Amino acid sequence: VQLQACGGGLVRPGDSLRLSCAASGRSFSTSGMAWFRQAPGKEREFVAAIKWSGGNSDRTYYANFVQGRFTISRDNAKNTLYLQMNSLRPEDTAVHYCAADPSGGYSYIGEGYTYWGQGTQVTVSS
């Protein structure tokens, strides 16, 4: 499995961004997928995750700091994971990484994911 993240950039507080993560390989639709981020001088932290819950349904999970501002989703036809980020704040500035667990699990810990994308920089500044 290879993951390619993109969509980061420099935006102002209150703006929106949509991150994308293109995945290669099989079983994308049943894989557990997540976004993590790492700010300078800080540890990597969980942002959001999506887990297949059967049929055409997914279950989503978010870090407390998201507070309804972000939405994780995926397009199985395109093998792409998304993170729609609204109402961005300066403290959201970080390199954002997508991650995948082909076994379909959910974890808010990075060690729960086997594959990682290269990261995309999000900078929120006025």
C-alpha atoms as a PDB file:
ATOM      1  CA  VAL A   1       0.000   0.000   0.000  1.00  0.00           C
ATOM      2  CA  GLN A   2       1.284   3.431  -0.953  1.00  0.00           C
ATOM      3  CA  LEU A   3      -0.248   6.656   0.267  1.00  0.00           C
ATOM      4  CA  GLN A   4       0.197  10.058  -1.341  1.00  0.00           C
ATOM      5  CA  ALA A   5      -1.075  13.057   0.600  1.00  0.00           C
ATOM      6  CA  CYS A   6      -1.664  16.484  -0.866  1.00  0.00           C
ATOM      7  CA  GLY A   7      -3.790  19.586  -0.465  1.00  0.00           C
ATOM      8  CA  GLY A   8      -1.904  21.480   2.197  1.00  0.00           C
ATOM      9  CA  GLY A   9      -1.048  25.137   1.904  1.00  0.00           C
ATOM     10  CA  LEU A  10      -0.889  28.547   3.528  1.00  0.00           C
ATOM     11  CA  VAL A  11      -4.256  29.925   4.575  1.00  0.00           C
ATOM     12  CA  ARG A  12      -5.632  32.582   6.905  1.00  0.00           C
ATOM     13  CA  PRO A  13      -7.465  31.887  10.169  1.00  0.00           C
ATOM     14  CA  GLY A  14     -11.047  30.939   9.444  1.00  0.00           C
ATOM     15  CA  ASP A  15     -10.275  29.578   5.979  1.00  0.00           C
ATOM     16  CA  SER A  16     -10.826  26.028   4.761  1.00  0.00           C
ATOM     17  CA  LEU A  17      -8.656  23.363   3.178  1.00  0.00           C
ATOM     18  CA  ARG A  18      -9.338  19.882   1.904  1.00  0.00           C
ATOM     19  CA  LEU A  19      -6.553  17.359   2.209  1.00  0.00           C
ATOM     20  CA  SER A  20      -6.493  14.308  -0.035  1.00  0.00           C
ATOM     21  CA  CYS A  21      -4.685  11.009   0.318  1.00  0.00           C
ATOM     22  CA  ALA A  22      -4.532   8.776  -2.743  1.00  0.00           C
ATOM     23  CA  ALA A  23      -4.037   5.108  -1.932  1.00  0.00           C
ATOM     24  CA  SER A  24      -2.755   2.317  -4.084  1.00  0.00           C
ATOM     25  CA  GLY A  25      -3.288  -1.357  -3.393  1.00  0.00           C
ATOM     26  CA  ARG A  26      -6.265  -3.479  -2.569  1.00  0.00           C
ATOM     27  CA  SER A  27      -8.865  -3.342   0.179  1.00  0.00           C
ATOM     28  CA  PHE A  28      -8.985   0.439   0.443  1.00  0.00           C
ATOM     29  CA  SER A  29     -12.701   0.394   1.182  1.00  0.00           C
ATOM     30  CA  THR A  30     -12.278  -1.907   4.179  1.00  0.00           C
ATOM     31  CA  SER A  31      -9.063  -0.441   5.523  1.00  0.00           C
ATOM     32  CA  GLY A  32      -8.968   1.664   8.622  1.00  0.00           C
ATOM     33  CA  MET A  33      -7.704   5.104   7.581  1.00  0.00           C
ATOM     34  CA  ALA A  34      -6.662   8.104   9.610  1.00  0.00           C
ATOM     35  CA  TRP A  35      -5.132  11.538   9.628  1.00  0.00           C
ATOM     36  CA  PHE A  36      -2.449  12.554  12.088  1.00  0.00           C
ATOM     37  CA  ARG A  37      -0.515  15.770  12.394  1.00  0.00           C
ATOM     38  CA  GLN A  38       2.760  16.943  13.837  1.00  0.00           C
ATOM     39  CA  ALA A  39       3.559  20.533  14.681  1.00  0.00           C
ATOM     40  CA  PRO A  40       7.139  21.769  15.086  1.00  0.00           C
ATOM     41  CA  GLY A  41       8.552  20.705  18.414  1.00  0.00           C
ATOM     42  CA  LYS A  42       5.497  18.630  19.266  1.00  0.00           C
ATOM     43  CA  GLU A  43       4.633  14.966  19.145  1.00  0.00           C
ATOM     44  CA  ARG A  44       2.492  13.504  16.416  1.00  0.00           C
ATOM     45  CA  GLU A  45      -1.204  13.592  17.337  1.00  0.00           C
ATOM     46  CA  PHE A  46      -4.360  11.957  16.122  1.00  0.00           C
ATOM     47  CA  VAL A  47      -6.789  14.078  14.107  1.00  0.00           C
ATOM     48  CA  ALA A  48      -9.471  11.798  12.672  1.00  0.00           C
ATOM     49  CA  ALA A  49     -10.107   8.228  11.573  1.00  0.00           C
ATOM     50  CA  ILE A  50     -12.580   6.306   9.463  1.00  0.00           C
ATOM     51  CA  LYS A  51     -13.386   2.633   9.850  1.00  0.00           C
ATOM     52  CA  TRP A  52     -15.503   0.375   7.705  1.00  0.00           C
ATOM     53  CA  SER A  53     -18.537  -0.756   9.678  1.00  0.00           C
ATOM     54  CA  GLY A  54     -20.106  -3.099   7.139  1.00  0.00           C
ATOM     55  CA  GLY A  55     -21.990  -2.721   3.877  1.00  0.00           C
ATOM     56  CA  ASN A  56     -21.573   0.792   2.553  1.00  0.00           C
ATOM     57  CA  SER A  57     -21.162   2.323   5.992  1.00  0.00           C
ATOM     58  CA  ASP A  58     -18.174   3.870   7.703  1.00  0.00           C
ATOM     59  CA  ARG A  59     -17.756   5.047  11.251  1.00  0.00           C
ATOM     60  CA  THR A  60     -15.739   8.163  11.959  1.00  0.00           C
ATOM     61  CA  TYR A  61     -13.740   9.319  14.949  1.00  0.00           C
ATOM     62  CA  TYR A  62     -12.300  12.711  15.809  1.00  0.00           C
ATOM     63  CA  ALA A  63      -9.878  14.237  18.252  1.00  0.00           C
ATOM     64  CA  ASN A  64     -11.451  16.528  20.819  1.00  0.00           C
ATOM     65  CA  PHE A  65      -9.754  19.600  19.413  1.00  0.00           C
ATOM     66  CA  VAL A  66     -11.564  19.154  16.073  1.00  0.00           C
ATOM     67  CA  GLN A  67     -14.781  20.421  17.702  1.00  0.00           C
ATOM     68  CA  GLY A  68     -16.901  19.840  14.595  1.00  0.00           C
ATOM     69  CA  ARG A  69     -14.579  21.752  12.269  1.00  0.00           C
ATOM     70  CA  PHE A  70     -13.161  18.798  10.303  1.00  0.00           C
ATOM     71  CA  THR A  71     -14.785  15.980   8.350  1.00  0.00           C
ATOM     72  CA  ILE A  72     -13.032  12.779   7.327  1.00  0.00           C
ATOM     73  CA  SER A  73     -14.418  10.852   4.374  1.00  0.00           C
ATOM     74  CA  ARG A  74     -13.372   8.590   1.556  1.00  0.00           C
ATOM     75  CA  ASP A  75     -14.257   7.870  -2.036  1.00  0.00           C
ATOM     76  CA  ASN A  76     -13.790   4.160  -2.599  1.00  0.00           C
ATOM     77  CA  ALA A  77     -14.157   4.485  -6.366  1.00  0.00           C
ATOM     78  CA  LYS A  78     -11.151   6.810  -6.387  1.00  0.00           C
ATOM     79  CA  ASN A  79      -9.240   5.096  -3.562  1.00  0.00           C
ATOM     80  CA  THR A  80      -8.919   8.484  -1.930  1.00  0.00           C
ATOM     81  CA  LEU A  81      -9.203   9.631   1.661  1.00  0.00           C
ATOM     82  CA  TYR A  82     -10.157  13.232   2.468  1.00  0.00           C
ATOM     83  CA  LEU A  83      -9.994  15.609   5.376  1.00  0.00           C
ATOM     84  CA  GLN A  84     -12.169  18.685   4.979  1.00  0.00           C
ATOM     85  CA  MET A  85     -10.915  21.307   7.417  1.00  0.00           C
ATOM     86  CA  ASN A  86     -13.013  24.384   8.118  1.00  0.00           C
ATOM     87  CA  SER A  87     -12.546  27.302  10.500  1.00  0.00           C
ATOM     88  CA  LEU A  88      -8.824  26.748  10.571  1.00  0.00           C
ATOM     89  CA  ARG A  89      -6.832  28.192  13.454  1.00  0.00           C
ATOM     90  CA  PRO A  90      -3.126  29.029  13.806  1.00  0.00           C
ATOM     91  CA  GLU A  91      -2.773  26.071  16.156  1.00  0.00           C
ATOM     92  CA  ASP A  92      -3.768  23.758  13.286  1.00  0.00           C
ATOM     93  CA  THR A  93      -0.430  24.520  11.657  1.00  0.00           C
ATOM     94  CA  ALA A  94       1.356  21.196  11.224  1.00  0.00           C
ATOM     95  CA  VAL A  95       2.461  18.560   8.769  1.00  0.00           C
ATOM     96  CA  HIS A  96      -0.548  16.329   8.208  1.00  0.00           C
ATOM     97  CA  TYR A  97      -0.106  12.636   7.490  1.00  0.00           C
ATOM     98  CA  CYS A  98      -2.531  10.001   6.274  1.00  0.00           C
ATOM     99  CA  ALA A  99      -2.220   6.450   7.506  1.00  0.00           C
ATOM    100  CA  ALA A 100      -3.760   3.096   6.709  1.00  0.00           C
ATOM    101  CA  ASP A 101      -4.452  -0.158   8.527  1.00  0.00           C
ATOM    102  CA  PRO A 102      -5.388  -2.837   5.965  1.00  0.00           C
ATOM    103  CA  SER A 103      -6.819  -5.015   8.734  1.00  0.00           C
ATOM    104  CA  GLY A 104      -9.605  -2.460   9.051  1.00  0.00           C
ATOM    105  CA  GLY A 105      -8.997  -1.450  12.623  1.00  0.00           C
ATOM    106  CA  TYR A 106      -9.361   1.899  14.341  1.00  0.00           C
ATOM    107  CA  SER A 107      -6.774   3.475  16.581  1.00  0.00           C
ATOM    108  CA  TYR A 108      -5.942   6.963  17.796  1.00  0.00           C
ATOM    109  CA  ILE A 109      -2.351   5.820  18.239  1.00  0.00           C
ATOM    110  CA  GLY A 110       0.046   5.965  15.320  1.00  0.00           C
ATOM    111  CA  GLU A 111       1.376   2.485  15.999  1.00  0.00           C
ATOM    112  CA  GLY A 112      -2.029   1.141  15.011  1.00  0.00           C
ATOM    113  CA  TYR A 113      -1.347   1.972  11.368  1.00  0.00           C
ATOM    114  CA  THR A 114       0.989   0.144   9.045  1.00  0.00           C
ATOM    115  CA  TYR A 115       1.280   2.499   6.104  1.00  0.00           C
ATOM    116  CA  TRP A 116       1.917   6.225   6.045  1.00  0.00           C
ATOM    117  CA  GLY A 117       1.895   8.978   3.476  1.00  0.00           C
ATOM    118  CA  GLN A 118       4.670  11.503   3.145  1.00  0.00           C
ATOM    119  CA  GLY A 119       2.834  14.394   4.805  1.00  0.00           C
ATOM    120  CA  THR A 120       1.478  17.693   3.574  1.00  0.00           C
ATOM    121  CA  GLN A 121       2.118  21.030   5.271  1.00  0.00           C
ATOM    122  CA  VAL A 122      -0.785  23.091   6.551  1.00  0.00           C
ATOM    123  CA  THR A 123       0.072  26.607   7.694  1.00  0.00           C
ATOM    124  CA  VAL A 124      -2.557  28.889   9.182  1.00  0.00           C
ATOM    125  CA  SER A 125      -1.365  32.439   9.599  1.00  0.00           C
ATOM    126  CA  SER A 126      -2.628  35.963   9.200  1.00  0.00           C
END
